[in-house]
Amino acid sequence: MRFVTAGILAIMVGACSTVPVDRNGWIQPVDAIRAANDDPSYGVRGEFVLTVRSIASDPQESFLDSERDYRDQRNLAIEMPTTLLPALERRLGVPFANLKNRRLVVMGVARRVRIDFVSDGRRSGKYYYQTHVRVDSPTQIRLLH
């Protein structure tokens, strides 16, 4: 009985976790977004490849985006604490601002994130979704040459 249950579970997990990967085993932004939307509670774990099209930073968070407009539904946003930037720059050998138009591989979990519109410091009730990969260590990001 235990072997039958384990076998059924393995089949179910395998059927639910198919995310297209390229020949290097990397997940493209469009596939990461689709998979994160399919499983909004857990997202999808993997290595994501993207070309950085825009960069944003504030005192708390910094972002590397796969699209020029971060609100674009096709955007995969790499989110990290701004305090991580000096260590990331040392690891990659490139200033954060110079990552635009560079190709990266990012290891992590792509998750759907609700973004609320705020008016006068209060949520307006309107919102949209973005797909983020949270980075907490510079070792999660590799530069492709």
C-alpha atoms as a PDB file:
ATOM      1  CA  MET A   1       0.000   0.000   0.000  1.00  0.00           C
ATOM      2  CA  ARG A   2       2.777   2.432   0.891  1.00  0.00           C
ATOM      3  CA  PHE A   3       4.504   1.871  -2.487  1.00  0.00           C
ATOM      4  CA  VAL A   4       1.268   2.407  -4.408  1.00  0.00           C
ATOM      5  CA  THR A   5       0.589   5.668  -2.554  1.00  0.00           C
ATOM      6  CA  ALA A   6       4.157   6.874  -3.143  1.00  0.00           C
ATOM      7  CA  GLY A   7       3.909   6.010  -6.838  1.00  0.00           C
ATOM      8  CA  ILE A   8       0.622   7.868  -7.251  1.00  0.00           C
ATOM      9  CA  LEU A   9       2.046  10.865  -5.409  1.00  0.00           C
ATOM     10  CA  ALA A  10       5.144  10.879  -7.647  1.00  0.00           C
ATOM     11  CA  ILE A  11       2.949  10.832 -10.754  1.00  0.00           C
ATOM     12  CA  MET A  12       0.756  13.652  -9.416  1.00  0.00           C
ATOM     13  CA  VAL A  13       3.741  15.834  -8.480  1.00  0.00           C
ATOM     14  CA  GLY A  14       5.406  15.194 -11.832  1.00  0.00           C
ATOM     15  CA  ALA A  15       2.238  16.077 -13.725  1.00  0.00           C
ATOM     16  CA  CYS A  16       1.771  19.353 -11.831  1.00  0.00           C
ATOM     17  CA  SER A  17       5.336  20.601 -11.959  1.00  0.00           C
ATOM     18  CA  THR A  18       6.092  20.761 -15.670  1.00  0.00           C
ATOM     19  CA  VAL A  19       7.595  24.105 -16.558  1.00  0.00           C
ATOM     20  CA  PRO A  20       9.289  24.498 -19.942  1.00  0.00           C
ATOM     21  CA  VAL A  21      13.055  24.947 -19.698  1.00  0.00           C
ATOM     22  CA  ASP A  22      15.566  25.761 -22.416  1.00  0.00           C
ATOM     23  CA  ARG A  23      18.521  23.521 -23.350  1.00  0.00           C
ATOM     24  CA  ASN A  24      20.493  24.896 -20.364  1.00  0.00           C
ATOM     25  CA  GLY A  25      17.692  24.065 -17.919  1.00  0.00           C
ATOM     26  CA  TRP A  26      16.763  27.731 -17.526  1.00  0.00           C
ATOM     27  CA  ILE A  27      13.222  29.095 -17.355  1.00  0.00           C
ATOM     28  CA  GLN A  28      12.308  32.038 -19.603  1.00  0.00           C
ATOM     29  CA  PRO A  29      10.316  34.963 -18.085  1.00  0.00           C
ATOM     30  CA  VAL A  30       7.084  34.130 -19.928  1.00  0.00           C
ATOM     31  CA  ASP A  31       7.186  30.533 -18.642  1.00  0.00           C
ATOM     32  CA  ALA A  32       8.032  31.670 -15.095  1.00  0.00           C
ATOM     33  CA  ILE A  33       5.066  34.043 -15.099  1.00  0.00           C
ATOM     34  CA  ARG A  34       2.703  31.388 -16.421  1.00  0.00           C
ATOM     35  CA  ALA A  35       3.881  28.827 -13.833  1.00  0.00           C
ATOM     36  CA  ALA A  36       3.671  31.345 -10.968  1.00  0.00           C
ATOM     37  CA  ASN A  37       0.108  32.178 -12.014  1.00  0.00           C
ATOM     38  CA  ASP A  38      -0.763  28.476 -12.189  1.00  0.00           C
ATOM     39  CA  ASP A  39       0.418  27.994  -8.595  1.00  0.00           C
ATOM     40  CA  PRO A  40       0.048  31.356  -6.802  1.00  0.00           C
ATOM     41  CA  SER A  41       0.532  29.851  -3.334  1.00  0.00           C
ATOM     42  CA  TYR A  42       3.973  28.384  -3.991  1.00  0.00           C
ATOM     43  CA  GLY A  43       5.196  29.746  -7.313  1.00  0.00           C
ATOM     44  CA  VAL A  44       7.884  27.937  -9.258  1.00  0.00           C
ATOM     45  CA  ARG A  45      11.464  27.214  -8.192  1.00  0.00           C
ATOM     46  CA  GLY A  46      14.257  27.219 -10.736  1.00  0.00           C
ATOM     47  CA  GLU A  47      16.926  29.141 -12.580  1.00  0.00           C
ATOM     48  CA  PHE A  48      15.495  32.033 -14.557  1.00  0.00           C
ATOM     49  CA  VAL A  49      17.289  33.629 -17.480  1.00  0.00           C
ATOM     50  CA  LEU A  50      16.531  37.203 -18.486  1.00  0.00           C
ATOM     51  CA  THR A  51      17.924  40.266 -20.176  1.00  0.00           C
ATOM     52  CA  VAL A  52      17.674  43.267 -17.846  1.00  0.00           C
ATOM     53  CA  ARG A  53      15.566  45.920 -19.604  1.00  0.00           C
ATOM     54  CA  SER A  54      15.113  48.307 -16.679  1.00  0.00           C
ATOM     55  CA  ILE A  55      16.506  48.943 -13.219  1.00  0.00           C
ATOM     56  CA  ALA A  56      14.931  50.607 -10.191  1.00  0.00           C
ATOM     57  CA  SER A  57      16.132  51.230  -6.668  1.00  0.00           C
ATOM     58  CA  ASP A  58      14.900  52.918  -3.507  1.00  0.00           C
ATOM     59  CA  PRO A  59      16.331  52.874   0.027  1.00  0.00           C
ATOM     60  CA  GLN A  60      14.648  49.533   0.860  1.00  0.00           C
ATOM     61  CA  GLU A  61      14.298  47.528  -2.369  1.00  0.00           C
ATOM     62  CA  SER A  62      16.010  47.288  -5.739  1.00  0.00           C
ATOM     63  CA  PHE A  63      14.711  45.672  -8.910  1.00  0.00           C
ATOM     64  CA  LEU A  64      16.020  44.243 -12.157  1.00  0.00           C
ATOM     65  CA  ASP A  65      13.199  43.920 -14.702  1.00  0.00           C
ATOM     66  CA  SER A  66      12.891  41.808 -17.842  1.00  0.00           C
ATOM     67  CA  GLU A  67      10.710  44.486 -19.489  1.00  0.00           C
ATOM     68  CA  ARG A  68      11.168  48.252 -19.889  1.00  0.00           C
ATOM     69  CA  ASP A  69       7.852  48.883 -18.092  1.00  0.00           C
ATOM     70  CA  TYR A  70       7.743  47.105 -14.731  1.00  0.00           C
ATOM     71  CA  ARG A  71       3.918  47.084 -14.910  1.00  0.00           C
ATOM     72  CA  ASP A  72       3.960  45.006 -18.111  1.00  0.00           C
ATOM     73  CA  GLN A  73       2.327  41.624 -17.478  1.00  0.00           C
ATOM     74  CA  ARG A  74       5.284  39.966 -19.268  1.00  0.00           C
ATOM     75  CA  ASN A  75       7.751  41.401 -16.752  1.00  0.00           C
ATOM     76  CA  LEU A  76       9.733  39.141 -14.448  1.00  0.00           C
ATOM     77  CA  ALA A  77      11.040  41.325 -11.601  1.00  0.00           C
ATOM     78  CA  ILE A  78      14.135  40.367  -9.626  1.00  0.00           C
ATOM     79  CA  GLU A  79      13.627  41.918  -6.186  1.00  0.00           C
ATOM     80  CA  MET A  80      16.350  42.358  -3.567  1.00  0.00           C
ATOM     81  CA  PRO A  81      17.150  44.489  -0.529  1.00  0.00           C
ATOM     82  CA  THR A  82      19.111  47.574  -1.567  1.00  0.00           C
ATOM     83  CA  THR A  83      21.647  46.739   1.172  1.00  0.00           C
ATOM     84  CA  LEU A  84      22.621  43.698  -0.952  1.00  0.00           C
ATOM     85  CA  LEU A  85      23.857  45.829  -3.883  1.00  0.00           C
ATOM     86  CA  PRO A  86      27.491  46.356  -2.781  1.00  0.00           C
ATOM     87  CA  ALA A  87      28.004  42.589  -2.343  1.00  0.00           C
ATOM     88  CA  LEU A  88      26.264  41.891  -5.670  1.00  0.00           C
ATOM     89  CA  GLU A  89      28.466  44.427  -7.461  1.00  0.00           C
ATOM     90  CA  ARG A  90      31.609  42.827  -5.985  1.00  0.00           C
ATOM     91  CA  ARG A  91      30.448  39.352  -7.016  1.00  0.00           C
ATOM     92  CA  LEU A  92      29.522  40.315 -10.576  1.00  0.00           C
ATOM     93  CA  GLY A  93      32.290  42.870 -11.083  1.00  0.00           C
ATOM     94  CA  VAL A  94      29.732  45.282 -12.557  1.00  0.00           C
ATOM     95  CA  PRO A  95      28.027  48.317 -10.987  1.00  0.00           C
ATOM     96  CA  PHE A  96      24.299  47.747 -10.436  1.00  0.00           C
ATOM     97  CA  ALA A  97      23.438  50.594 -12.839  1.00  0.00           C
ATOM     98  CA  ASN A  98      25.427  48.851 -15.602  1.00  0.00           C
ATOM     99  CA  LEU A  99      23.366  45.646 -15.480  1.00  0.00           C
ATOM    100  CA  LYS A 100      20.878  47.103 -17.962  1.00  0.00           C
ATOM    101  CA  ASN A 101      20.958  45.125 -21.242  1.00  0.00           C
ATOM    102  CA  ARG A 102      22.996  42.345 -19.602  1.00  0.00           C
ATOM    103  CA  ARG A 103      21.844  38.715 -19.440  1.00  0.00           C
ATOM    104  CA  LEU A 104      21.513  37.108 -16.030  1.00  0.00           C
ATOM    105  CA  VAL A 105      20.643  33.747 -14.563  1.00  0.00           C
ATOM    106  CA  VAL A 106      18.808  34.056 -11.248  1.00  0.00           C
ATOM    107  CA  MET A 107      18.144  31.159  -8.916  1.00  0.00           C
ATOM    108  CA  GLY A 108      15.047  31.333  -6.727  1.00  0.00           C
ATOM    109  CA  VAL A 109      11.276  31.104  -6.645  1.00  0.00           C
ATOM    110  CA  ALA A 110       9.063  33.097  -9.021  1.00  0.00           C
ATOM    111  CA  ARG A 111       5.879  34.104  -7.209  1.00  0.00           C
ATOM    112  CA  ARG A 112       2.841  36.144  -8.101  1.00  0.00           C
ATOM    113  CA  VAL A 113       2.746  39.298  -5.945  1.00  0.00           C
ATOM    114  CA  ARG A 114      -0.282  41.539  -5.479  1.00  0.00           C
ATOM    115  CA  ILE A 115       0.468  45.235  -5.956  1.00  0.00           C
ATOM    116  CA  ASP A 116      -2.107  47.572  -4.395  1.00  0.00           C
ATOM    117  CA  PHE A 117      -2.729  51.070  -5.700  1.00  0.00           C
ATOM    118  CA  VAL A 118      -2.384  53.596  -2.874  1.00  0.00           C
ATOM    119  CA  SER A 119      -4.062  56.987  -2.646  1.00  0.00           C
ATOM    120  CA  ASP A 120      -3.272  59.399   0.200  1.00  0.00           C
ATOM    121  CA  GLY A 121      -1.419  56.624   2.013  1.00  0.00           C
ATOM    122  CA  ARG A 122      -4.399  54.258   1.902  1.00  0.00           C
ATOM    123  CA  ARG A 123      -5.146  51.277  -0.315  1.00  0.00           C
ATOM    124  CA  SER A 124      -7.653  52.217  -3.000  1.00  0.00           C
ATOM    125  CA  GLY A 125      -9.066  48.704  -3.462  1.00  0.00           C
ATOM    126  CA  LYS A 126      -7.543  48.516  -6.933  1.00  0.00           C
ATOM    127  CA  TYR A 127      -4.607  46.219  -7.596  1.00  0.00           C
ATOM    128  CA  TYR A 128      -2.707  44.198 -10.185  1.00  0.00           C
ATOM    129  CA  TYR A 129      -0.200  41.347 -10.077  1.00  0.00           C
ATOM    130  CA  GLN A 130       3.501  41.155 -10.811  1.00  0.00           C
ATOM    131  CA  THR A 131       5.811  38.150 -10.818  1.00  0.00           C
ATOM    132  CA  HIS A 132       8.863  38.496  -8.546  1.00  0.00           C
ATOM    133  CA  VAL A 133      11.918  36.402  -7.802  1.00  0.00           C
ATOM    134  CA  ARG A 134      13.220  37.382  -4.367  1.00  0.00           C
ATOM    135  CA  VAL A 135      17.016  37.489  -4.028  1.00  0.00           C
ATOM    136  CA  ASP A 136      18.538  37.479  -0.537  1.00  0.00           C
ATOM    137  CA  SER A 137      22.095  36.479  -1.476  1.00  0.00           C
ATOM    138  CA  PRO A 138      24.381  37.677  -4.269  1.00  0.00           C
ATOM    139  CA  THR A 139      25.172  34.013  -5.007  1.00  0.00           C
ATOM    140  CA  GLN A 140      21.668  33.681  -6.504  1.00  0.00           C
ATOM    141  CA  ILE A 141      22.660  35.816  -9.530  1.00  0.00           C
ATOM    142  CA  ARG A 142      25.129  34.961 -12.304  1.00  0.00           C
ATOM    143  CA  LEU A 143      26.145  37.193 -15.179  1.00  0.00           C
ATOM    144  CA  LEU A 144      26.174  35.610 -18.649  1.00  0.00           C
ATOM    145  CA  HIS A 145      28.900  36.818 -20.975  1.00  0.00           C
END
